[in-house]
Amino acid sequence: MISTRARYAIRVMIDLAENGKDKPIPLKDIAERQGISKKYLEIIVKDMVSGGLLAGASGKGGGYRLVRSPEDYTIGEIIELMEGALASVSCLAVASASCPRASSCETLPLWLEYDKLTHDFFYGKRLTDLLRSKAGEAL
């Protein structure tokens, strides 16, 4: 299941893509438009800055902005920054120990195929795809 944290991160990215073209956007403005607690967003954007998705500026005229063009962000990278790897089962997680049953596991091909579908789906969607769908175009 994709967490609220990841879903809110995507909403922040969409908001910045729509409203932050020329200047940093204050977090309170994003929180108001998105109906999300500013306190909760502070935690989320901190991770997004340290993960290289956003840049933050403090002081007068400060706020947050995208560091790349919206078309250069995949939904997969946003989700994985907030959630970690999109592994469906623990034996396929990046940091997991090697599974002693891997060579004889009848279900491993199923999980590998599912993980590839999930990865390809989220990494095949760009932030601009969500902007277009918000504007009424189909994904």
N, C-alpha and C. Protein backbone atom coordinates (compact mmCIF):
# COMPACT_ATOMS: atom_id res chain seq x y z
N MET A 1 0.85 -1.18 0.00
CA MET A 1 0.00 0.00 0.00
C MET A 1 0.90 1.25 0.00
N ILE A 2 0.54 2.19 -0.81
CA ILE A 2 1.27 3.46 -0.86
C ILE A 2 0.77 4.33 0.29
N SER A 3 1.69 4.85 1.07
CA SER A 3 1.33 5.62 2.27
C SER A 3 0.82 7.02 1.94
N THR A 4 0.19 7.61 2.95
CA THR A 4 -0.25 9.01 2.84
C THR A 4 0.95 9.90 2.58
N ARG A 5 2.05 9.59 3.22
CA ARG A 5 3.29 10.37 3.06
C ARG A 5 3.71 10.45 1.59
N ALA A 6 3.71 9.34 0.90
CA ALA A 6 4.09 9.33 -0.52
C ALA A 6 3.05 10.05 -1.37
N ARG A 7 1.77 9.83 -1.06
CA ARG A 7 0.71 10.50 -1.83
C ARG A 7 0.80 12.02 -1.63
N TYR A 8 1.05 12.47 -0.41
CA TYR A 8 1.20 13.90 -0.17
C TYR A 8 2.44 14.46 -0.87
N ALA A 9 3.51 13.69 -0.92
CA ALA A 9 4.71 14.14 -1.62
C ALA A 9 4.41 14.39 -3.09
N ILE A 10 3.63 13.50 -3.69
CA ILE A 10 3.25 13.68 -5.10
C ILE A 10 2.40 14.94 -5.24
N ARG A 11 1.48 15.16 -4.31
CA ARG A 11 0.64 16.37 -4.36
C ARG A 11 1.48 17.63 -4.22
N VAL A 12 2.50 17.61 -3.37
CA VAL A 12 3.40 18.76 -3.23
C VAL A 12 4.11 19.02 -4.56
N MET A 13 4.58 17.96 -5.19
CA MET A 13 5.28 18.11 -6.47
C MET A 13 4.36 18.70 -7.54
N ILE A 14 3.12 18.23 -7.59
CA ILE A 14 2.17 18.77 -8.55
C ILE A 14 1.91 20.25 -8.27
N ASP A 15 1.71 20.58 -7.00
CA ASP A 15 1.46 21.97 -6.61
C ASP A 15 2.62 22.87 -7.02
N LEU A 16 3.84 22.42 -6.77
CA LEU A 16 5.01 23.23 -7.14
C LEU A 16 5.15 23.35 -8.65
N ALA A 17 4.83 22.29 -9.37
CA ALA A 17 4.90 22.35 -10.84
C ALA A 17 3.89 23.35 -11.39
N GLU A 18 2.71 23.42 -10.75
CA GLU A 18 1.67 24.33 -11.22
C GLU A 18 1.91 25.78 -10.77
N ASN A 19 2.45 25.96 -9.58
CA ASN A 19 2.49 27.31 -8.99
C ASN A 19 3.87 27.90 -8.79
N GLY A 20 4.91 27.13 -8.93
CA GLY A 20 6.24 27.61 -8.58
C GLY A 20 7.19 27.77 -9.74
N LYS A 21 6.69 28.21 -10.85
CA LYS A 21 7.54 28.30 -12.03
C LYS A 21 8.68 29.31 -11.91
N ASP A 22 8.45 30.44 -11.27
CA ASP A 22 9.45 31.50 -11.24
C ASP A 22 10.05 31.77 -9.87
N LYS A 23 9.44 31.23 -8.82
CA LYS A 23 9.90 31.57 -7.47
C LYS A 23 9.59 30.45 -6.50
N PRO A 24 10.32 30.42 -5.37
CA PRO A 24 9.98 29.43 -4.35
C PRO A 24 8.58 29.71 -3.77
N ILE A 25 7.90 28.64 -3.41
CA ILE A 25 6.54 28.75 -2.87
C ILE A 25 6.58 28.46 -1.37
N PRO A 26 6.05 29.35 -0.55
CA PRO A 26 6.01 29.08 0.90
C PRO A 26 5.19 27.82 1.20
N LEU A 27 5.66 27.06 2.17
CA LEU A 27 5.00 25.83 2.53
C LEU A 27 3.57 26.06 3.02
N LYS A 28 3.33 27.19 3.68
CA LYS A 28 1.97 27.47 4.17
C LYS A 28 1.00 27.60 3.00
N ASP A 29 1.46 28.14 1.86
CA ASP A 29 0.60 28.25 0.68
C ASP A 29 0.25 26.87 0.12
N ILE A 30 1.26 25.99 0.05
CA ILE A 30 1.02 24.63 -0.44
C ILE A 30 0.05 23.92 0.49
N ALA A 31 0.29 24.04 1.81
CA ALA A 31 -0.56 23.38 2.80
C ALA A 31 -2.01 23.84 2.68
N GLU A 32 -2.21 25.14 2.48
CA GLU A 32 -3.58 25.66 2.34
C GLU A 32 -4.25 25.13 1.08
N ARG A 33 -3.53 25.19 -0.05
CA ARG A 33 -4.13 24.71 -1.30
C ARG A 33 -4.43 23.23 -1.26
N GLN A 34 -3.57 22.46 -0.61
CA GLN A 34 -3.72 21.00 -0.61
C GLN A 34 -4.55 20.49 0.57
N GLY A 35 -4.86 21.36 1.52
CA GLY A 35 -5.64 20.92 2.68
C GLY A 35 -4.89 19.92 3.55
N ILE A 36 -3.59 20.15 3.68
CA ILE A 36 -2.71 19.26 4.46
C ILE A 36 -2.06 20.09 5.56
N SER A 37 -1.88 19.49 6.72
CA SER A 37 -1.22 20.15 7.83
C SER A 37 0.19 20.62 7.44
N LYS A 38 0.49 21.89 7.72
CA LYS A 38 1.82 22.44 7.44
C LYS A 38 2.88 21.68 8.22
N LYS A 39 2.56 21.31 9.44
CA LYS A 39 3.50 20.57 10.30
C LYS A 39 3.89 19.24 9.65
N TYR A 40 2.91 18.54 9.12
CA TYR A 40 3.17 17.26 8.47
C TYR A 40 3.96 17.47 7.18
N LEU A 41 3.62 18.51 6.43
CA LEU A 41 4.36 18.78 5.19
C LEU A 41 5.81 19.15 5.47
N GLU A 42 6.09 19.79 6.60
CA GLU A 42 7.47 20.12 6.94
C GLU A 42 8.35 18.88 6.99
N ILE A 43 7.81 17.82 7.55
CA ILE A 43 8.54 16.55 7.65
C ILE A 43 8.76 15.96 6.25
N ILE A 44 7.73 16.00 5.45
CA ILE A 44 7.80 15.42 4.11
C ILE A 44 8.78 16.19 3.22
N VAL A 45 8.67 17.52 3.18
CA VAL A 45 9.54 18.29 2.28
C VAL A 45 11.00 18.25 2.73
N LYS A 46 11.23 18.08 4.02
CA LYS A 46 12.61 17.94 4.50
C LYS A 46 13.26 16.73 3.83
N ASP A 47 12.54 15.62 3.79
CA ASP A 47 13.06 14.42 3.12
C ASP A 47 13.18 14.61 1.62
N MET A 48 12.28 15.38 1.05
CA MET A 48 12.32 15.62 -0.39
C MET A 48 13.51 16.49 -0.76
N VAL A 49 13.86 17.44 0.11
CA VAL A 49 15.04 18.28 -0.11
C VAL A 49 16.30 17.42 0.02
N SER A 50 16.39 16.65 1.10
CA SER A 50 17.59 15.83 1.29
C SER A 50 17.70 14.75 0.22
N GLY A 51 16.59 14.34 -0.37
CA GLY A 51 16.59 13.36 -1.45
C GLY A 51 16.84 13.96 -2.82
N GLY A 52 16.96 15.28 -2.90
CA GLY A 52 17.30 15.93 -4.16
C GLY A 52 16.13 16.24 -5.08
N LEU A 53 14.90 16.08 -4.60
CA LEU A 53 13.74 16.40 -5.45
C LEU A 53 13.39 17.88 -5.42
N LEU A 54 13.61 18.51 -4.28
CA LEU A 54 13.26 19.92 -4.10
C LEU A 54 14.45 20.71 -3.58
N ALA A 55 14.37 22.02 -3.76
CA ALA A 55 15.31 22.95 -3.12
C ALA A 55 14.49 23.85 -2.21
N GLY A 56 15.05 24.16 -1.08
CA GLY A 56 14.36 25.03 -0.13
C GLY A 56 15.18 26.28 0.13
N ALA A 57 14.49 27.38 0.35
CA ALA A 57 15.14 28.65 0.68
C ALA A 57 14.40 29.25 1.86
N SER A 58 15.14 29.69 2.87
CA SER A 58 14.49 30.27 4.04
C SER A 58 14.53 31.80 3.96
N GLY A 59 13.78 32.43 4.85
CA GLY A 59 13.75 33.88 4.90
C GLY A 59 12.67 34.46 4.00
N LYS A 60 12.69 35.79 3.91
CA LYS A 60 11.72 36.49 3.08
C LYS A 60 11.87 36.05 1.63
N GLY A 61 10.75 35.71 1.03
CA GLY A 61 10.77 35.22 -0.35
C GLY A 61 11.18 33.76 -0.45
N GLY A 62 11.27 33.08 0.69
CA GLY A 62 11.69 31.69 0.70
C GLY A 62 10.54 30.74 0.44
N GLY A 63 10.88 29.50 0.40
CA GLY A 63 9.89 28.45 0.16
C GLY A 63 10.56 27.29 -0.53
N TYR A 64 9.81 26.57 -1.32
CA TYR A 64 10.31 25.37 -1.99
C TYR A 64 10.06 25.47 -3.48
N ARG A 65 10.94 24.80 -4.22
CA ARG A 65 10.80 24.77 -5.68
C ARG A 65 11.34 23.45 -6.20
N LEU A 66 10.89 23.08 -7.38
CA LEU A 66 11.43 21.89 -8.04
C LEU A 66 12.86 22.19 -8.48
N VAL A 67 13.73 21.20 -8.47
CA VAL A 67 15.10 21.41 -8.94
C VAL A 67 15.25 21.03 -10.41
N ARG A 68 14.26 20.33 -10.95
CA ARG A 68 14.27 19.95 -12.36
C ARG A 68 12.93 20.32 -12.98
N SER A 69 12.84 20.19 -14.26
CA SER A 69 11.58 20.40 -14.96
C SER A 69 10.61 19.29 -14.59
N PRO A 70 9.30 19.58 -14.54
CA PRO A 70 8.31 18.55 -14.18
C PRO A 70 8.41 17.28 -15.02
N GLU A 71 8.75 17.41 -16.30
CA GLU A 71 8.83 16.22 -17.15
C GLU A 71 10.03 15.33 -16.80
N ASP A 72 10.94 15.84 -15.99
CA ASP A 72 12.13 15.07 -15.60
C ASP A 72 11.93 14.27 -14.31
N TYR A 73 10.77 14.33 -13.71
CA TYR A 73 10.48 13.57 -12.49
C TYR A 73 9.57 12.39 -12.83
N THR A 74 9.92 11.21 -12.31
CA THR A 74 9.01 10.09 -12.44
C THR A 74 8.27 9.91 -11.11
N ILE A 75 7.07 9.38 -11.20
CA ILE A 75 6.30 9.11 -9.98
C ILE A 75 7.01 8.04 -9.16
N GLY A 76 7.66 7.10 -9.83
CA GLY A 76 8.40 6.06 -9.15
C GLY A 76 9.48 6.60 -8.24
N GLU A 77 10.23 7.58 -8.71
CA GLU A 77 11.30 8.11 -7.86
C GLU A 77 10.75 8.85 -6.65
N ILE A 78 9.62 9.50 -6.80
CA ILE A 78 8.99 10.20 -5.66
C ILE A 78 8.52 9.17 -4.63
N ILE A 79 7.83 8.14 -5.11
CA ILE A 79 7.32 7.11 -4.19
C ILE A 79 8.48 6.40 -3.49
N GLU A 80 9.49 6.01 -4.25
CA GLU A 80 10.60 5.28 -3.63
C GLU A 80 11.38 6.13 -2.64
N LEU A 81 11.49 7.43 -2.88
CA LEU A 81 12.15 8.29 -1.90
C LEU A 81 11.37 8.28 -0.59
N MET A 82 10.05 8.31 -0.68
CA MET A 82 9.23 8.38 0.52
C MET A 82 8.99 7.02 1.17
N GLU A 83 8.96 5.95 0.37
CA GLU A 83 8.59 4.63 0.86
C GLU A 83 9.76 3.66 0.97
N GLY A 84 10.79 3.89 0.20
CA GLY A 84 11.82 2.86 0.04
C GLY A 84 11.46 2.05 -1.20
N ALA A 85 12.20 1.00 -1.43
CA ALA A 85 12.00 0.18 -2.63
C ALA A 85 10.58 -0.36 -2.71
N LEU A 86 10.09 -0.48 -3.92
CA LEU A 86 8.73 -0.98 -4.16
C LEU A 86 8.70 -2.50 -4.26
N ALA A 87 9.34 -3.19 -3.35
CA ALA A 87 9.36 -4.65 -3.38
C ALA A 87 8.06 -5.20 -2.80
N SER A 88 7.49 -6.17 -3.50
CA SER A 88 6.21 -6.75 -3.06
C SER A 88 6.38 -7.77 -1.94
N VAL A 89 7.52 -8.41 -1.88
CA VAL A 89 7.79 -9.41 -0.83
C VAL A 89 9.17 -9.12 -0.24
N SER A 90 9.35 -9.50 1.00
CA SER A 90 10.58 -9.15 1.71
C SER A 90 11.84 -9.72 1.06
N CYS A 91 11.75 -10.88 0.44
CA CYS A 91 12.96 -11.47 -0.14
C CYS A 91 13.48 -10.68 -1.35
N LEU A 92 12.65 -9.80 -1.92
CA LEU A 92 13.09 -8.99 -3.06
C LEU A 92 13.49 -7.58 -2.67
N ALA A 93 13.35 -7.23 -1.40
CA ALA A 93 13.75 -5.91 -0.94
C ALA A 93 15.26 -5.76 -1.10
N VAL A 94 15.71 -4.58 -1.43
CA VAL A 94 17.12 -4.31 -1.71
C VAL A 94 18.02 -4.73 -0.56
N ALA A 95 17.65 -4.43 0.66
CA ALA A 95 18.51 -4.71 1.82
C ALA A 95 18.30 -6.09 2.42
N SER A 96 17.49 -6.93 1.79
CA SER A 96 17.21 -8.22 2.40
C SER A 96 18.36 -9.20 2.19
N ALA A 97 18.45 -10.13 3.10
CA ALA A 97 19.44 -11.19 2.97
C ALA A 97 19.03 -12.11 1.82
N SER A 98 19.99 -12.79 1.26
CA SER A 98 19.70 -13.72 0.18
C SER A 98 18.79 -14.83 0.69
N CYS A 99 17.76 -15.11 -0.05
CA CYS A 99 16.80 -16.14 0.35
C CYS A 99 17.36 -17.52 0.05
N PRO A 100 17.38 -18.39 1.05
CA PRO A 100 17.91 -19.73 0.82
C PRO A 100 17.04 -20.57 -0.12
N ARG A 101 15.79 -20.17 -0.31
CA ARG A 101 14.88 -20.92 -1.19
C ARG A 101 14.80 -20.35 -2.61
N ALA A 102 15.53 -19.30 -2.88
CA ALA A 102 15.38 -18.61 -4.17
C ALA A 102 15.51 -19.56 -5.37
N SER A 103 16.46 -20.48 -5.33
CA SER A 103 16.67 -21.36 -6.48
C SER A 103 15.56 -22.39 -6.67
N SER A 104 14.78 -22.64 -5.61
CA SER A 104 13.71 -23.63 -5.72
C SER A 104 12.32 -23.05 -5.46
N CYS A 105 12.24 -21.75 -5.31
CA CYS A 105 10.96 -21.11 -4.97
C CYS A 105 10.04 -21.06 -6.19
N GLU A 106 8.91 -21.72 -6.09
CA GLU A 106 7.95 -21.74 -7.20
C GLU A 106 7.24 -20.40 -7.38
N THR A 107 7.20 -19.58 -6.33
CA THR A 107 6.48 -18.31 -6.43
C THR A 107 7.37 -17.12 -6.82
N LEU A 108 8.68 -17.30 -6.77
CA LEU A 108 9.58 -16.19 -7.07
C LEU A 108 9.32 -15.55 -8.43
N PRO A 109 9.11 -16.32 -9.50
CA PRO A 109 8.82 -15.68 -10.80
C PRO A 109 7.58 -14.78 -10.76
N LEU A 110 6.58 -15.17 -9.99
CA LEU A 110 5.37 -14.36 -9.84
C LEU A 110 5.70 -13.01 -9.23
N TRP A 111 6.45 -13.01 -8.14
CA TRP A 111 6.79 -11.76 -7.45
C TRP A 111 7.73 -10.90 -8.30
N LEU A 112 8.65 -11.53 -9.01
CA LEU A 112 9.54 -10.77 -9.89
C LEU A 112 8.74 -10.07 -11.00
N GLU A 113 7.80 -10.80 -11.60
CA GLU A 113 6.98 -10.21 -12.66
C GLU A 113 6.12 -9.07 -12.12
N TYR A 114 5.51 -9.30 -10.94
CA TYR A 114 4.67 -8.26 -10.32
C TYR A 114 5.51 -7.02 -10.01
N ASP A 115 6.69 -7.20 -9.43
CA ASP A 115 7.55 -6.06 -9.10
C ASP A 115 7.97 -5.31 -10.36
N LYS A 116 8.24 -6.04 -11.44
CA LYS A 116 8.62 -5.37 -12.70
C LYS A 116 7.45 -4.54 -13.24
N LEU A 117 6.24 -5.10 -13.19
CA LEU A 117 5.06 -4.35 -13.64
C LEU A 117 4.87 -3.08 -12.81
N THR A 118 4.99 -3.21 -11.49
CA THR A 118 4.83 -2.06 -10.61
C THR A 118 5.90 -1.02 -10.88
N HIS A 119 7.15 -1.46 -10.97
CA HIS A 119 8.26 -0.53 -11.23
C HIS A 119 8.05 0.18 -12.57
N ASP A 120 7.78 -0.59 -13.60
CA ASP A 120 7.61 0.00 -14.94
C ASP A 120 6.42 0.95 -14.98
N PHE A 121 5.35 0.63 -14.28
CA PHE A 121 4.19 1.51 -14.25
C PHE A 121 4.54 2.86 -13.62
N PHE A 122 5.08 2.84 -12.40
CA PHE A 122 5.36 4.10 -11.69
C PHE A 122 6.52 4.87 -12.31
N TYR A 123 7.51 4.18 -12.84
CA TYR A 123 8.62 4.88 -13.49
C TYR A 123 8.27 5.30 -14.91
N GLY A 124 7.19 4.78 -15.44
CA GLY A 124 6.71 5.20 -16.75
C GLY A 124 5.80 6.42 -16.69
N LYS A 125 5.40 6.81 -15.50
CA LYS A 125 4.55 7.99 -15.32
C LYS A 125 5.40 9.16 -14.85
N ARG A 126 5.23 10.27 -15.50
CA ARG A 126 5.98 11.48 -15.16
C ARG A 126 5.05 12.47 -14.46
N LEU A 127 5.65 13.39 -13.76
CA LEU A 127 4.88 14.42 -13.07
C LEU A 127 3.98 15.16 -14.07
N THR A 128 4.48 15.38 -15.26
CA THR A 128 3.68 16.07 -16.28
C THR A 128 2.46 15.26 -16.69
N ASP A 129 2.52 13.93 -16.59
CA ASP A 129 1.34 13.11 -16.90
C ASP A 129 0.22 13.43 -15.91
N LEU A 130 0.56 13.62 -14.65
CA LEU A 130 -0.45 13.95 -13.65
C LEU A 130 -0.97 15.37 -13.84
N LEU A 131 -0.11 16.26 -14.27
CA LEU A 131 -0.56 17.62 -14.55
C LEU A 131 -1.57 17.63 -15.69
N ARG A 132 -1.27 16.84 -16.72
CA ARG A 132 -2.20 16.75 -17.86
C ARG A 132 -3.51 16.11 -17.46
N SER A 133 -3.46 15.07 -16.63
CA SER A 133 -4.70 14.40 -16.23
C SER A 133 -5.54 15.32 -15.35
N LYS A 134 -4.88 16.16 -14.57
CA LYS A 134 -5.62 17.13 -13.75
C LYS A 134 -6.33 18.15 -14.64
N ALA A 135 -5.71 18.43 -15.79
CA ALA A 135 -6.29 19.38 -16.73
C ALA A 135 -7.36 18.74 -17.61
N GLY A 136 -7.64 17.45 -17.37
CA GLY A 136 -8.71 16.80 -18.11
C GLY A 136 -8.28 15.85 -19.18
N GLU A 137 -6.96 15.72 -19.41
CA GLU A 137 -6.48 14.78 -20.40
C GLU A 137 -6.33 13.41 -19.76
N ALA A 138 -6.46 12.39 -20.54
CA ALA A 138 -6.29 11.02 -20.04
C ALA A 138 -4.83 10.73 -19.79
N LEU A 139 -4.59 9.86 -18.78
CA LEU A 139 -3.22 9.40 -18.52
C LEU A 139 -2.83 8.51 -19.66
